Amino acid sequence: MQVISNGSKISDTVSKNLEEQITSFNEYFEPLEKNREYIFVDKRTKAIYFECHIKAKKLIELSTIDVPLDPESQAEYRANRDIVEDHNAYLMMKQDALGCRSFSNIVGEYNVKYSKETPFKIIGGQHRYNAIKEAYEGGIDEYHGIKIYFLLDTKQRLDVQLISNTNIAVASDLLDRMYETVRGPELREWCQKVGLLEHGYDFSDRRQRGSRITVRGARSFILSYFEGKKYNSKEFDKIKQDPIIAKTGVIDEQWEKLRLDNPNIWDDKELIEAGKQYATLYNAQFKAIASRKGLAEYAEKALNYAIISSWAYVAGLLQDNKTRLGRHYALADKTSTDPLNAIALSKGRHKTDPENYRGLSTRTDLKERGRLVELFFAQAEKGEGISSGLVDYAIKNYHAKLAFIEADEAKKKIQ
């Protein structure tokens, strides 16, 4: 074993543990490079790895793609994205494997602590693994190249996840889920508590019909709730409302600051109630639409980011007016059509909208969110549900209020 450390020092203890791991790995996998290993140390993260070639038989028998990001405290939740069965690249990959192609750069961690039966935990290349598996079941047993890491901690494991998934574009929602998993289980557990996620389920790794709420959706809900709570609802006509949609695919500083400033956020009873009420709205919307032909896209309207953030903003804003808050929450009971009246929303537009505008809640920009805040706030005045007339009023009132606020700001500058 030769260590290429790139200037990074390996302690005697780590070196001894590494030798034991390498010996164990060689016994299990019988790589071509056995006893001729070149061990590398990633200079940025200090992660230890080497590359080798093993037969498909060993790879399939001793590997798994069912891998937790944090096996010690969140072992039931996975960081790998779902297999995209109908992707053209994956279909071609399976054909290549059947044609005896040798694949490379399958990335994983050697770890016998969690399941000795499958010590190679694949965290990059699960599509290639599946293609190789299907070919092996058809009698094809080629050598394949793997990059294998040893003695990873959680932060190093996340880093490996990120860099090993850049060969095929990774959905931002998956990156958000990975970052949040490393951050801790609190957001997921909160969503499970309020009903935005079923118990035992993780956030969706990409937005698509039939998916669960994403990390971005959950963060947007909480950020917008607290943004609305900053204001006095009696001053609504003077507020330039700005519901927040969380950033995605990167570290969201606004989200990090909110968590830091609110250490007891997960026990906030008013926030928990708002979450439960929104879960009720989502379920009512889905139930009202799911069985109606041709309207499937409306069933999950409550997962639209503009609606999530705007509804939550109004829930926060109305914490000082429990009567109107009750009417806001009771929107879920308006099921004569569907609670959000998606058809009425689709017909809502303003004279300033472009020709390709497809109706309220089809976009997520600030103007769209501002209009929806106006709609939810107006609905809470009488609690009679969303109608075409109310949608039209909310859109026009938003633009009128915005013009008034901007004119007032301009006036202050010349006084």
Protein backbone atom coordinates (compact mmCIF):
# COMPACT_ATOMS: atom_id res chain seq x y z
CA MET A 1 0.00 0.00 0.00
CA GLN A 2 1.44 3.34 -1.09
CA VAL A 3 -0.13 6.54 0.22
CA ILE A 4 -0.17 9.61 -2.05
CA SER A 5 -1.05 12.18 0.58
CA ASN A 6 -0.70 15.46 -1.40
CA GLY A 7 0.86 16.98 1.68
CA SER A 8 -1.93 15.83 4.02
CA LYS A 9 -0.76 13.89 7.06
CA ILE A 10 -2.34 10.62 8.10
CA SER A 11 -2.09 9.82 11.78
CA ASP A 12 -0.68 6.49 12.95
CA THR A 13 -4.12 5.48 14.24
CA VAL A 14 -5.83 6.28 10.92
CA SER A 15 -3.04 4.55 9.02
CA LYS A 16 -3.50 1.37 11.06
CA ASN A 17 -7.28 1.44 10.60
CA LEU A 18 -6.81 2.07 6.89
CA GLU A 19 -4.52 -0.92 6.47
CA GLU A 20 -7.11 -3.11 8.16
CA GLN A 21 -9.82 -1.73 5.86
CA ILE A 22 -7.73 -2.29 2.73
CA THR A 23 -6.90 -5.86 3.76
CA SER A 24 -10.56 -6.55 4.43
CA PHE A 25 -11.60 -5.00 1.13
CA ASN A 26 -9.08 -7.08 -0.82
CA GLU A 27 -10.36 -10.28 0.78
CA TYR A 28 -13.94 -9.43 -0.14
CA PHE A 29 -13.53 -8.02 -3.65
CA GLU A 30 -10.28 -9.46 -5.07
CA PRO A 31 -9.46 -6.37 -7.19
CA LEU A 32 -6.94 -6.49 -10.03
CA GLU A 33 -4.83 -4.01 -8.06
CA LYS A 34 -4.60 -6.21 -4.95
CA ASN A 35 -1.35 -5.46 -3.05
CA ARG A 36 -0.55 -2.71 -5.59
CA GLU A 37 -2.83 0.00 -4.17
CA TYR A 38 -2.16 3.69 -4.56
CA ILE A 39 -4.05 5.42 -1.74
CA PHE A 40 -4.97 9.08 -2.24
CA VAL A 41 -5.95 11.75 0.26
CA ASP A 42 -8.30 14.48 -0.99
CA LYS A 43 -6.44 17.65 -0.06
CA ARG A 44 -9.64 19.66 0.49
CA THR A 45 -11.65 17.27 2.69
CA LYS A 46 -8.92 14.81 3.81
CA ALA A 47 -11.08 11.94 2.51
CA ILE A 48 -9.12 8.77 1.77
CA TYR A 49 -9.73 6.71 -1.38
CA PHE A 50 -8.26 4.54 -4.10
CA GLU A 51 -9.37 3.28 -7.49
CA CYS A 52 -9.43 -0.29 -8.71
CA HIS A 53 -11.20 -2.82 -10.94
CA ILE A 54 -13.44 -5.66 -9.80
CA LYS A 55 -15.64 -8.25 -11.52
CA ALA A 56 -19.37 -7.66 -11.86
CA LYS A 57 -20.02 -10.75 -9.72
CA LYS A 58 -18.29 -9.20 -6.71
CA LEU A 59 -19.84 -5.79 -7.33
CA ILE A 60 -23.39 -7.16 -7.42
CA GLU A 61 -23.01 -9.59 -4.54
CA LEU A 62 -21.27 -7.21 -2.13
CA SER A 63 -22.68 -3.76 -2.95
CA THR A 64 -25.83 -1.76 -2.31
CA ILE A 65 -27.32 1.46 -3.63
CA ASP A 66 -29.66 1.68 -0.63
CA VAL A 67 -27.36 4.02 1.27
CA PRO A 68 -28.09 6.48 4.11
CA LEU A 69 -26.22 9.78 4.16
CA ASP A 70 -26.10 9.77 7.95
CA PRO A 71 -26.15 6.09 9.04
CA GLU A 72 -25.66 6.85 12.73
CA SER A 73 -28.57 9.19 13.47
CA GLN A 74 -30.77 9.15 10.33
CA ALA A 75 -30.26 5.66 8.98
CA GLU A 76 -33.79 5.33 7.57
CA TYR A 77 -33.40 8.23 5.10
CA ARG A 78 -31.55 8.08 1.81
CA ALA A 79 -29.44 10.63 0.00
CA ASN A 80 -29.34 8.90 -3.40
CA ARG A 81 -31.74 10.18 -6.01
CA ASP A 82 -34.37 7.85 -7.44
CA ILE A 83 -33.56 5.75 -10.49
CA VAL A 84 -34.91 7.45 -13.63
CA GLU A 85 -36.12 4.34 -15.44
CA ASP A 86 -37.21 6.01 -18.68
CA HIS A 87 -34.23 8.32 -19.21
CA ASN A 88 -32.65 7.81 -22.63
CA ALA A 89 -29.13 7.83 -21.17
CA TYR A 90 -30.08 5.06 -18.74
CA LEU A 91 -31.75 2.95 -21.43
CA MET A 92 -28.61 3.26 -23.56
CA MET A 93 -26.48 2.40 -20.54
CA LYS A 94 -28.37 -0.88 -20.07
CA GLN A 95 -27.87 -1.76 -23.73
CA ASP A 96 -24.14 -1.02 -23.42
CA ALA A 97 -23.88 -3.30 -20.39
CA LEU A 98 -25.56 -6.11 -22.31
CA GLY A 99 -22.95 -5.50 -25.02
CA CYS A 100 -20.18 -6.29 -22.49
CA ARG A 101 -19.12 -2.71 -21.93
CA SER A 102 -16.82 -2.12 -18.96
CA PHE A 103 -17.96 0.86 -16.87
CA SER A 104 -15.87 3.07 -14.59
CA ASN A 105 -16.14 5.73 -11.89
CA ILE A 106 -18.67 3.92 -9.74
CA VAL A 107 -18.16 5.71 -6.43
CA GLY A 108 -18.80 4.38 -2.97
CA GLU A 109 -17.70 3.85 0.60
CA TYR A 110 -16.29 0.68 2.09
CA ASN A 111 -18.03 0.26 5.42
CA VAL A 112 -18.60 -3.05 7.21
CA LYS A 113 -20.01 -1.37 10.31
CA TYR A 114 -23.44 -1.08 8.68
CA SER A 115 -24.29 -4.37 6.95
CA LYS A 116 -21.35 -6.70 6.42
CA GLU A 117 -23.28 -8.45 3.67
CA THR A 118 -22.98 -5.39 1.41
CA PRO A 119 -19.83 -3.54 2.56
CA PHE A 120 -19.55 -1.37 -0.59
CA LYS A 121 -22.09 1.46 -0.27
CA ILE A 122 -22.54 3.04 -3.70
CA ILE A 123 -23.15 6.78 -3.54
CA GLY A 124 -22.45 7.66 -7.15
CA GLY A 125 -23.26 5.56 -10.18
CA GLN A 126 -26.43 3.77 -9.13
CA HIS A 127 -27.69 3.83 -12.72
CA ARG A 128 -24.50 2.09 -13.87
CA TYR A 129 -24.80 -0.39 -11.03
CA ASN A 130 -28.32 -1.33 -12.10
CA ALA A 131 -27.26 -1.69 -15.73
CA ILE A 132 -24.36 -3.95 -14.69
CA LYS A 133 -26.69 -5.97 -12.48
CA GLU A 134 -29.13 -6.65 -15.30
CA ALA A 135 -26.27 -7.67 -17.59
CA TYR A 136 -24.77 -9.92 -14.91
CA GLU A 137 -28.11 -11.66 -14.47
CA GLY A 138 -27.87 -12.38 -18.19
CA GLY A 139 -24.46 -14.03 -17.77
CA ILE A 140 -22.13 -11.06 -18.42
CA ASP A 141 -19.31 -10.72 -15.87
CA GLU A 142 -16.92 -7.94 -16.90
CA TYR A 143 -14.40 -5.93 -14.89
CA HIS A 144 -15.59 -2.46 -13.82
CA GLY A 145 -13.73 0.50 -12.35
CA ILE A 146 -14.67 1.77 -8.90
CA LYS A 147 -13.53 4.66 -6.74
CA ILE A 148 -13.76 3.58 -3.13
CA TYR A 149 -13.56 5.76 -0.02
CA PHE A 150 -12.56 4.67 3.47
CA LEU A 151 -13.25 6.02 6.98
CA LEU A 152 -15.60 8.83 5.86
CA ASP A 153 -17.30 11.14 8.32
CA THR A 154 -20.71 12.69 7.55
CA LYS A 155 -19.36 15.89 5.98
CA GLN A 156 -16.95 13.95 3.79
CA ARG A 157 -19.79 11.61 2.81
CA LEU A 158 -21.92 14.57 1.71
CA ASP A 159 -19.03 15.97 -0.31
CA VAL A 160 -18.57 12.63 -2.07
CA GLN A 161 -22.31 12.57 -2.81
CA LEU A 162 -22.11 15.98 -4.44
CA ILE A 163 -19.00 15.49 -6.56
CA SER A 164 -19.91 11.99 -7.69
CA ASN A 165 -23.32 13.04 -8.98
CA THR A 166 -22.11 15.80 -11.29
CA ASN A 167 -21.77 13.42 -14.26
CA ILE A 168 -25.57 13.34 -14.63
CA ALA A 169 -27.34 16.59 -13.76
CA VAL A 170 -28.60 16.49 -10.20
CA ALA A 171 -31.93 18.08 -9.35
CA SER A 172 -31.60 21.04 -7.02
CA ASP A 173 -34.26 19.46 -4.82
CA LEU A 174 -31.96 16.49 -4.21
CA LEU A 175 -29.10 18.81 -3.24
CA ASP A 176 -31.44 20.64 -0.85
CA ARG A 177 -32.44 17.32 0.71
CA MET A 178 -28.83 16.31 1.14
CA TYR A 179 -27.87 19.61 2.76
CA GLU A 180 -30.87 19.44 5.08
CA THR A 181 -30.08 15.85 6.04
CA VAL A 182 -26.60 16.89 7.11
CA ARG A 183 -28.11 19.86 8.96
CA GLY A 184 -30.24 17.46 11.01
CA PRO A 185 -33.66 15.76 10.95
CA GLU A 186 -35.64 18.66 12.43
CA LEU A 187 -37.29 19.99 9.25
CA ARG A 188 -38.27 16.51 8.10
CA GLU A 189 -39.64 15.59 11.53
CA TRP A 190 -41.60 18.86 11.67
CA CYS A 191 -43.17 18.15 8.28
CA GLN A 192 -44.08 14.65 9.43
CA LYS A 193 -45.58 16.03 12.64
CA VAL A 194 -47.85 18.50 10.84
CA GLY A 195 -48.79 16.11 8.03
CA LEU A 196 -46.88 17.62 5.12
CA LEU A 197 -44.92 14.35 4.96
CA GLU A 198 -46.08 10.90 5.89
CA HIS A 199 -44.21 9.29 8.77
CA GLY A 200 -41.17 7.42 7.54
CA TYR A 201 -41.03 9.35 4.25
CA ASP A 202 -38.33 11.76 3.14
CA PHE A 203 -38.64 14.90 1.04
CA SER A 204 -39.05 14.52 -2.70
CA ASP A 205 -35.75 14.66 -4.62
CA ARG A 206 -37.34 16.36 -7.62
CA ARG A 207 -40.57 18.13 -8.42
CA GLN A 208 -42.97 16.05 -10.49
CA ARG A 209 -46.61 15.07 -10.46
CA GLY A 210 -47.39 12.72 -7.60
CA SER A 211 -44.34 13.74 -5.58
CA ARG A 212 -44.15 14.80 -1.95
CA ILE A 213 -43.27 18.25 -0.69
CA THR A 214 -39.66 19.29 -1.32
CA VAL A 215 -37.19 20.80 1.11
CA ARG A 216 -37.56 24.06 -0.79
CA GLY A 217 -41.33 23.98 -0.35
CA ALA A 218 -41.06 23.34 3.39
CA ARG A 219 -38.43 26.04 3.88
CA SER A 220 -40.50 28.51 1.83
CA PHE A 221 -43.51 27.83 4.03
CA ILE A 222 -41.66 28.57 7.27
CA LEU A 223 -39.68 31.54 5.92
CA SER A 224 -42.85 33.16 4.56
CA TYR A 225 -44.81 32.50 7.75
CA PHE A 226 -42.26 34.41 9.81
CA GLU A 227 -41.98 37.13 7.17
CA GLY A 228 -45.74 37.74 7.40
CA LYS A 229 -45.65 37.63 11.18
CA LYS A 230 -43.39 40.71 11.22
CA TYR A 231 -46.31 42.96 10.33
CA ASN A 232 -49.53 44.21 11.89
CA SER A 233 -52.46 42.96 9.82
CA LYS A 234 -54.28 46.28 10.39
CA GLU A 235 -51.55 47.92 8.31
CA PHE A 236 -52.01 45.53 5.40
CA ASP A 237 -52.93 48.29 2.93
CA LYS A 238 -49.51 49.85 3.52
CA ILE A 239 -47.50 46.61 3.33
CA LYS A 240 -45.52 45.77 0.19
CA GLN A 241 -45.92 42.05 0.73
CA ASP A 242 -42.98 39.81 -0.08
CA PRO A 243 -43.53 36.09 0.59
CA ILE A 244 -40.24 34.20 0.39
CA ILE A 245 -39.36 31.30 -1.86
CA ALA A 246 -36.26 29.62 -0.49
CA LYS A 247 -33.13 29.32 -2.59
CA THR A 248 -32.40 25.92 -4.03
CA GLY A 249 -29.26 23.92 -4.79
CA VAL A 250 -27.12 26.12 -2.54
CA ILE A 251 -26.77 26.99 1.12
CA ASP A 252 -29.67 29.37 1.83
CA GLU A 253 -28.31 32.03 4.19
CA GLN A 254 -31.79 33.36 4.92
CA TRP A 255 -32.90 29.92 6.05
CA GLU A 256 -29.77 29.39 8.11
CA LYS A 257 -30.28 32.77 9.84
CA LEU A 258 -33.92 32.00 10.62
CA ARG A 259 -32.96 28.73 12.28
CA LEU A 260 -30.20 30.41 14.23
CA ASP A 261 -32.44 33.26 15.40
CA ASN A 262 -35.27 30.89 16.37
CA PRO A 263 -33.74 27.94 18.27
CA ASN A 264 -37.19 26.83 19.48
CA ILE A 265 -38.77 27.04 16.05
CA TRP A 266 -39.78 23.37 15.93
CA ASP A 267 -41.85 23.73 19.12
CA ASP A 268 -43.65 26.92 18.01
CA LYS A 269 -47.31 25.98 18.55
CA GLU A 270 -48.69 28.61 16.17
CA LEU A 271 -46.31 27.51 13.41
CA ILE A 272 -47.22 23.87 14.02
CA GLU A 273 -50.92 24.73 13.74
CA ALA A 274 -50.29 26.62 10.50
CA GLY A 275 -48.46 23.60 9.12
CA LYS A 276 -51.30 21.27 10.09
CA GLN A 277 -53.87 23.55 8.49
CA TYR A 278 -51.89 23.71 5.26
CA ALA A 279 -51.61 19.92 5.18
CA THR A 280 -55.40 19.82 5.56
CA LEU A 281 -55.76 22.23 2.64
CA TYR A 282 -53.44 20.12 0.47
CA ASN A 283 -55.37 16.93 1.25
CA ALA A 284 -58.72 18.61 0.60
CA GLN A 285 -57.49 20.02 -2.72
CA PHE A 286 -56.11 16.66 -3.82
CA LYS A 287 -59.25 14.77 -2.82
CA ALA A 288 -61.55 17.24 -4.59
CA ILE A 289 -59.67 17.04 -7.89
CA ALA A 290 -58.03 13.60 -8.06
CA SER A 291 -61.09 11.83 -9.46
CA ARG A 292 -62.01 14.55 -11.99
CA LYS A 293 -60.85 13.78 -15.52
CA GLY A 294 -58.63 16.29 -17.28
CA LEU A 295 -57.86 18.27 -14.14
CA ALA A 296 -54.99 16.24 -12.67
CA GLU A 297 -52.61 19.20 -12.71
CA TYR A 298 -54.92 21.03 -10.30
CA ALA A 299 -54.85 18.25 -7.69
CA GLU A 300 -51.42 19.31 -6.42
CA LYS A 301 -51.96 23.04 -6.76
CA ALA A 302 -51.15 23.39 -3.06
CA LEU A 303 -47.56 22.31 -3.78
CA ASN A 304 -47.05 25.33 -6.04
CA TYR A 305 -44.28 27.43 -4.46
CA ALA A 306 -46.13 30.71 -4.97
CA ILE A 307 -49.21 29.33 -3.21
CA ILE A 308 -47.22 27.69 -0.40
CA SER A 309 -45.32 30.89 0.39
CA SER A 310 -48.29 33.25 0.00
CA TRP A 311 -50.68 31.17 2.10
CA ALA A 312 -48.03 30.83 4.83
CA TYR A 313 -47.31 34.58 4.69
CA VAL A 314 -50.99 35.35 5.35
CA ALA A 315 -51.08 32.74 8.14
CA GLY A 316 -48.20 34.56 9.83
CA LEU A 317 -49.71 37.99 9.18
CA LEU A 318 -53.07 37.04 10.72
CA GLN A 319 -51.65 35.70 13.99
CA ASP A 320 -52.83 38.99 15.52
CA ASN A 321 -56.42 38.46 14.28
CA LYS A 322 -57.67 35.03 15.31
CA THR A 323 -61.11 35.52 13.74
CA ARG A 324 -59.73 36.17 10.27
CA LEU A 325 -57.06 33.53 10.83
CA GLY A 326 -59.83 31.02 11.45
CA ARG A 327 -61.45 31.93 8.13
CA HIS A 328 -58.06 31.59 6.41
CA TYR A 329 -57.65 28.10 7.82
CA ALA A 330 -61.25 27.19 6.96
CA LEU A 331 -60.51 27.56 3.24
CA ALA A 332 -59.91 23.79 3.24
CA ASP A 333 -63.62 23.30 3.96
CA LYS A 334 -64.69 25.01 0.72
CA THR A 335 -65.05 21.88 -1.38
CA SER A 336 -68.03 22.62 -3.63
CA THR A 337 -65.44 22.88 -6.42
CA ASP A 338 -62.00 22.60 -4.90
CA PRO A 339 -60.66 24.73 -2.04
CA LEU A 340 -58.23 26.71 -4.20
CA ASN A 341 -60.70 26.91 -7.11
CA ALA A 342 -57.94 26.19 -9.58
CA ILE A 343 -60.12 26.96 -12.60
CA ALA A 344 -60.88 30.43 -11.28
CA LEU A 345 -57.17 30.96 -10.64
CA SER A 346 -56.34 29.90 -14.20
CA LYS A 347 -58.62 32.63 -15.57
CA GLY A 348 -57.22 35.38 -13.37
CA ARG A 349 -55.10 37.94 -15.22
CA HIS A 350 -54.32 41.65 -15.37
CA LYS A 351 -54.24 43.99 -18.34
CA THR A 352 -50.47 44.28 -17.93
CA ASP A 353 -49.89 40.51 -18.24
CA PRO A 354 -48.21 39.18 -21.39
CA GLU A 355 -50.11 37.05 -23.91
CA ASN A 356 -48.47 33.84 -22.70
CA TYR A 357 -49.58 34.33 -19.09
CA ARG A 358 -51.62 31.25 -18.12
CA GLY A 359 -53.38 32.51 -15.02
CA LEU A 360 -52.78 33.13 -11.33
CA SER A 361 -50.42 30.64 -9.59
CA THR A 362 -48.74 29.51 -12.81
CA ARG A 363 -45.63 31.55 -12.04
CA THR A 364 -43.59 32.12 -8.89
CA ASP A 365 -42.21 35.66 -9.25
CA LEU A 366 -42.80 38.37 -6.65
CA LYS A 367 -45.77 39.82 -8.54
CA GLU A 368 -47.47 36.43 -8.58
CA ARG A 369 -46.87 35.93 -4.87
CA GLY A 370 -48.09 39.43 -4.08
CA ARG A 371 -51.34 38.80 -5.95
CA LEU A 372 -51.89 35.54 -4.09
CA VAL A 373 -51.28 37.21 -0.71
CA GLU A 374 -53.94 39.75 -1.66
CA LEU A 375 -56.30 36.89 -2.58
CA PHE A 376 -55.82 34.90 0.62
CA PHE A 377 -56.06 38.02 2.77
CA ALA A 378 -59.29 39.09 1.02
CA GLN A 379 -60.76 35.59 1.35
CA ALA A 380 -60.18 35.70 5.10
CA GLU A 381 -62.36 38.82 5.41
CA LYS A 382 -65.63 36.91 4.91
CA GLY A 383 -64.42 33.34 4.57
CA GLU A 384 -66.69 32.52 1.66
CA GLY A 385 -64.01 30.81 -0.39
CA ILE A 386 -62.24 31.69 -3.63
CA SER A 387 -64.39 32.84 -6.55
CA SER A 388 -63.65 34.31 -9.96
CA GLY A 389 -64.82 37.70 -8.68
CA LEU A 390 -62.50 37.52 -5.68
CA VAL A 391 -59.56 36.55 -7.90
CA ASP A 392 -60.25 39.52 -10.18
CA TYR A 393 -60.55 41.88 -7.19
CA ALA A 394 -57.34 40.60 -5.58
CA ILE A 395 -55.29 41.07 -8.74
CA LYS A 396 -56.59 44.58 -9.39
CA ASN A 397 -56.29 45.60 -5.74
CA TYR A 398 -52.70 44.36 -5.59
CA HIS A 399 -51.69 46.52 -8.56
CA ALA A 400 -53.61 49.52 -7.22
CA LYS A 401 -51.99 49.17 -3.79
CA LEU A 402 -48.56 48.70 -5.31
CA ALA A 403 -49.00 51.87 -7.38
CA PHE A 404 -50.12 53.80 -4.28
CA ILE A 405 -47.14 52.57 -2.20
CA GLU A 406 -44.69 53.44 -4.97
CA ALA A 407 -46.25 56.89 -5.41
CA ASP A 408 -46.08 57.49 -1.65
CA GLU A 409 -42.40 56.48 -1.60
CA ALA A 410 -41.70 58.84 -4.49
CA LYS A 411 -43.53 61.68 -2.71
CA LYS A 412 -41.39 61.20 0.42
CA LYS A 413 -38.27 61.70 -1.66
CA ILE A 414 -39.30 65.18 -2.79
CA GLN A 415 -40.57 66.46 0.56
